[in-house]
Amino acid sequence: MAFYFRRETVSGRAEKYDIDGNLVETLPNCRARYSLGCAVYNGDVWAAGGFDGTGTYWTTTEVYTKSTNSWKAYQMNDNPSYPQHHVFNNQLMVFGSRNPNVLEY
């Protein structure tokens, strides 16, 4: 999974690569952001928090589900920058900024 950004441009483009670095497929766009955390959990891709480059820190986690080929947004209680993901008790925990946020899918 790769998210594209440059200092002057932020993109919501997401792509999937194989282990050799070859492009496998381009996924639907998600919300443009950088400084986000990303994880794969139960086969879904989770993108949490981050910054849009214009002053907005996102308070959402977006989940890409392959079976629907779409992203769904979940609201968080905080706006973490560079958050980390950990699985604990079969829940994906997103840690960052001031508050831990637990999202169940």
Protein backbone atom coordinates (compact mmCIF):
# COMPACT_ATOMS: atom_id res chain seq x y z
CA MET A 1 0.00 0.00 0.00
CA ALA A 2 1.35 3.40 -0.90
CA PHE A 3 -0.05 6.87 -0.36
CA TYR A 4 1.39 9.63 -2.52
CA PHE A 5 2.37 13.05 -1.28
CA ARG A 6 4.91 15.76 -1.88
CA ARG A 7 5.50 18.71 0.35
CA GLU A 8 3.49 21.00 -1.96
CA THR A 9 0.84 18.44 -2.99
CA VAL A 10 -1.16 15.97 -0.92
CA SER A 11 -3.04 13.16 -2.66
CA GLY A 12 -5.58 10.53 -1.69
CA ARG A 13 -4.21 8.13 -4.29
CA ALA A 14 -3.64 4.62 -2.97
CA GLU A 15 -1.90 1.77 -4.77
CA LYS A 16 -1.17 -1.87 -4.02
CA TYR A 17 2.25 -3.38 -4.84
CA ASP A 18 3.62 -6.91 -4.78
CA ILE A 19 6.70 -7.86 -2.78
CA ASP A 20 8.97 -7.04 -5.74
CA GLY A 21 7.64 -3.49 -5.96
CA ASN A 22 5.45 -4.03 -9.02
CA LEU A 23 2.15 -2.20 -9.17
CA VAL A 24 -0.70 -4.69 -8.70
CA GLU A 25 -3.70 -2.36 -8.70
CA THR A 26 -4.80 1.20 -8.08
CA LEU A 27 -7.42 1.49 -5.36
CA PRO A 28 -10.18 4.10 -5.21
CA ASN A 29 -9.02 7.42 -3.78
CA CYS A 30 -9.35 8.04 -0.07
CA ARG A 31 -9.20 11.38 1.73
CA ALA A 32 -5.98 13.23 0.84
CA ARG A 33 -3.63 13.19 3.84
CA TYR A 34 -0.08 12.67 5.03
CA SER A 35 1.45 12.01 8.47
CA LEU A 36 -1.14 9.23 8.74
CA GLY A 37 -0.95 5.77 10.24
CA CYS A 38 -1.73 2.75 8.11
CA ALA A 39 -2.39 -0.92 8.92
CA VAL A 40 -3.96 -4.05 7.49
CA TYR A 41 -6.43 -5.68 9.90
CA ASN A 42 -8.76 -8.58 9.06
CA GLY A 43 -7.91 -8.07 5.39
CA ASP A 44 -8.96 -4.40 5.35
CA VAL A 45 -6.66 -1.38 5.00
CA TRP A 46 -6.96 1.21 7.76
CA ALA A 47 -5.72 4.80 7.29
CA ALA A 48 -5.97 6.97 10.41
CA GLY A 49 -5.40 10.59 11.26
CA GLY A 50 -2.91 12.72 9.41
CA PHE A 51 -2.77 16.20 7.96
CA ASP A 52 -4.19 17.57 4.71
CA GLY A 53 -1.39 20.08 4.11
CA THR A 54 -3.64 23.15 4.42
CA GLY A 55 -4.14 23.29 8.19
CA THR A 56 -6.61 20.46 8.82
CA TYR A 57 -5.68 17.48 11.00
CA TRP A 58 -8.13 14.67 10.23
CA THR A 59 -10.23 13.15 12.99
CA THR A 60 -11.23 10.20 10.84
CA THR A 61 -10.05 6.69 10.13
CA GLU A 62 -10.88 5.39 6.68
CA VAL A 63 -11.18 1.67 5.99
CA TYR A 64 -10.74 0.13 2.55
CA THR A 65 -12.66 -3.13 2.07
CA LYS A 66 -11.65 -5.20 -0.95
CA SER A 67 -15.05 -6.93 -1.32
CA THR A 68 -16.81 -3.57 -1.83
CA ASN A 69 -13.79 -1.82 -3.41
CA SER A 70 -14.57 1.25 -1.32
CA TRP A 71 -13.47 3.34 1.66
CA LYS A 72 -15.66 4.00 4.71
CA ALA A 73 -14.90 6.74 7.26
CA TYR A 74 -15.13 6.43 11.04
CA GLN A 75 -14.95 9.40 13.41
CA MET A 76 -12.24 9.47 16.11
CA ASN A 77 -12.14 11.52 19.32
CA ASP A 78 -8.82 13.11 18.44
CA ASN A 79 -6.76 14.14 15.44
CA PRO A 80 -3.54 12.14 15.67
CA SER A 81 -0.55 12.94 13.52
CA TYR A 82 1.74 9.98 12.79
CA PRO A 83 -0.52 7.58 14.75
CA GLN A 84 0.39 3.95 15.34
CA HIS A 85 -1.87 0.91 15.09
CA HIS A 86 -1.81 -2.11 17.40
CA VAL A 87 -4.16 -5.08 17.73
CA PHE A 88 -5.17 -5.85 21.32
CA ASN A 89 -7.97 -8.24 22.34
CA ASN A 90 -8.93 -8.54 18.67
CA GLN A 91 -9.49 -4.79 18.37
CA LEU A 92 -7.43 -2.41 16.30
CA MET A 93 -6.15 0.38 18.55
CA VAL A 94 -5.07 3.70 17.05
CA PHE A 95 -2.67 5.61 19.27
CA GLY A 96 -1.53 9.13 18.67
CA SER A 97 -1.67 12.66 19.96
CA ARG A 98 -3.48 12.88 23.33
CA ASN A 99 -6.11 10.11 23.38
CA PRO A 100 -6.14 6.41 22.42
CA ASN A 101 -9.08 5.59 20.17
CA VAL A 102 -10.53 2.12 19.84
CA LEU A 103 -12.42 1.31 16.65
CA GLU A 104 -14.20 -1.98 16.10
CA TYR A 105 -15.07 -3.09 12.61
